[in-house]
């Protein structure tokens, strides 16, 4: 890659990082994420065994999808 291409790519990565930071600092997004976290904790506390099973199953599926076998 040429120096110019790398320089342009670096600028784009920095811009993307800045956009992501701005997005993550959005108060509305933070409020929604906080609610999702609270709701998830409530569900896990009410049904711990089912939550564990769902987590294990999701991990199994993710492992199957990402494995190369």
C-alpha atoms as a PDB file:
ATOM      1  CA  UNK A   1       0.000   0.000   0.000  1.00  0.00           C
ATOM      2  CA  UNK A   2       1.152   3.468  -0.716  1.00  0.00           C
ATOM      3  CA  UNK A   3       1.785   6.019   2.003  1.00  0.00           C
ATOM      4  CA  UNK A   4      -1.136   8.111   0.728  1.00  0.00           C
ATOM      5  CA  UNK A   5      -3.548   5.159   0.944  1.00  0.00           C
ATOM      6  CA  UNK A   6      -2.444   4.344   4.488  1.00  0.00           C
ATOM      7  CA  UNK A   7      -2.806   7.979   5.507  1.00  0.00           C
ATOM      8  CA  UNK A   8      -6.365   8.121   4.099  1.00  0.00           C
ATOM      9  CA  UNK A   9      -7.249   4.834   5.782  1.00  0.00           C
ATOM     10  CA  UNK A  10      -5.900   6.097   9.094  1.00  0.00           C
ATOM     11  CA  UNK A  11      -8.011   9.245   8.856  1.00  0.00           C
ATOM     12  CA  UNK A  12     -11.124   7.190   8.118  1.00  0.00           C
ATOM     13  CA  UNK A  13     -10.481   4.946  11.121  1.00  0.00           C
ATOM     14  CA  UNK A  14     -10.073   7.987  13.380  1.00  0.00           C
ATOM     15  CA  UNK A  15     -13.301   9.498  12.027  1.00  0.00           C
ATOM     16  CA  UNK A  16     -15.129   6.223  12.605  1.00  0.00           C
ATOM     17  CA  UNK A  17     -13.799   6.043  16.163  1.00  0.00           C
ATOM     18  CA  UNK A  18     -14.974   9.592  16.828  1.00  0.00           C
ATOM     19  CA  UNK A  19     -18.424   8.794  15.400  1.00  0.00           C
ATOM     20  CA  UNK A  20     -18.665   5.686  17.574  1.00  0.00           C
ATOM     21  CA  UNK A  21     -17.676   7.634  20.669  1.00  0.00           C
ATOM     22  CA  UNK A  22     -20.281  10.303  19.932  1.00  0.00           C
ATOM     23  CA  UNK A  23     -22.918   7.597  19.374  1.00  0.00           C
ATOM     24  CA  UNK A  24     -22.081   5.805  22.636  1.00  0.00           C
ATOM     25  CA  UNK A  25     -22.250   9.069  24.615  1.00  0.00           C
ATOM     26  CA  UNK A  26     -25.826   9.736  23.462  1.00  0.00           C
ATOM     27  CA  UNK A  27     -27.995  10.117  26.614  1.00  0.00           C
ATOM     28  CA  UNK A  28     -31.001   8.423  24.985  1.00  0.00           C
ATOM     29  CA  UNK A  29     -28.899   5.402  24.041  1.00  0.00           C
ATOM     30  CA  UNK A  30     -27.457   5.235  27.565  1.00  0.00           C
ATOM     31  CA  UNK A  31     -30.975   5.301  29.025  1.00  0.00           C
ATOM     32  CA  UNK A  32     -32.114   2.477  26.742  1.00  0.00           C
ATOM     33  CA  UNK A  33     -29.017   0.378  27.487  1.00  0.00           C
ATOM     34  CA  UNK A  34     -29.544   0.899  31.206  1.00  0.00           C
ATOM     35  CA  UNK A  35     -33.142  -0.326  30.896  1.00  0.00           C
ATOM     36  CA  UNK A  36     -32.076  -3.381  28.891  1.00  0.00           C
ATOM     37  CA  UNK A  37     -29.453  -4.186  31.538  1.00  0.00           C
ATOM     38  CA  UNK A  38     -31.970  -3.853  34.370  1.00  0.00           C
ATOM     39  CA  UNK A  39     -34.555  -5.975  32.538  1.00  0.00           C
ATOM     40  CA  UNK A  40     -31.961  -8.656  31.790  1.00  0.00           C
ATOM     41  CA  UNK A  41     -30.831  -8.779  35.423  1.00  0.00           C
ATOM     42  CA  UNK A  42     -34.461  -9.122  36.543  1.00  0.00           C
ATOM     43  CA  UNK A  43     -35.111 -12.014  34.167  1.00  0.00           C
ATOM     44  CA  UNK A  44     -31.920 -13.808  35.235  1.00  0.00           C
ATOM     45  CA  UNK A  45     -32.775 -13.404  38.946  1.00  0.00           C
ATOM     46  CA  UNK A  46     -36.318 -14.722  38.419  1.00  0.00           C
ATOM     47  CA  UNK A  47     -35.343 -17.707  36.274  1.00  0.00           C
ATOM     48  CA  UNK A  48     -31.663 -18.533  36.828  1.00  0.00           C
ATOM     49  CA  UNK A  49     -31.721 -22.109  35.484  1.00  0.00           C
ATOM     50  CA  UNK A  50     -33.554 -21.162  32.309  1.00  0.00           C
ATOM     51  CA  UNK A  51     -31.163 -18.236  31.842  1.00  0.00           C
ATOM     52  CA  UNK A  52     -28.192 -20.556  32.257  1.00  0.00           C
ATOM     53  CA  UNK A  53     -29.646 -22.974  29.705  1.00  0.00           C
ATOM     54  CA  UNK A  54     -30.258 -20.180  27.203  1.00  0.00           C
ATOM     55  CA  UNK A  55     -26.694 -18.942  27.691  1.00  0.00           C
ATOM     56  CA  UNK A  56     -25.223 -22.406  27.200  1.00  0.00           C
ATOM     57  CA  UNK A  57     -27.329 -23.000  24.105  1.00  0.00           C
ATOM     58  CA  UNK A  58     -26.358 -19.610  22.628  1.00  0.00           C
ATOM     59  CA  UNK A  59     -22.691 -20.382  23.296  1.00  0.00           C
ATOM     60  CA  UNK A  60     -23.044 -23.788  21.676  1.00  0.00           C
ATOM     61  CA  UNK A  61     -24.659 -22.285  18.570  1.00  0.00           C
ATOM     62  CA  UNK A  62     -22.063 -19.542  18.349  1.00  0.00           C
ATOM     63  CA  UNK A  63     -19.294 -22.119  18.687  1.00  0.00           C
ATOM     64  CA  UNK A  64     -20.812 -24.209  15.891  1.00  0.00           C
ATOM     65  CA  UNK A  65     -21.171 -21.195  13.632  1.00  0.00           C
ATOM     66  CA  UNK A  66     -17.615 -20.037  14.183  1.00  0.00           C
ATOM     67  CA  UNK A  67     -15.865 -23.393  14.110  1.00  0.00           C
ATOM     68  CA  UNK A  68     -14.160 -24.523  10.936  1.00  0.00           C
ATOM     69  CA  UNK A  69     -14.899 -28.238  11.338  1.00  0.00           C
END
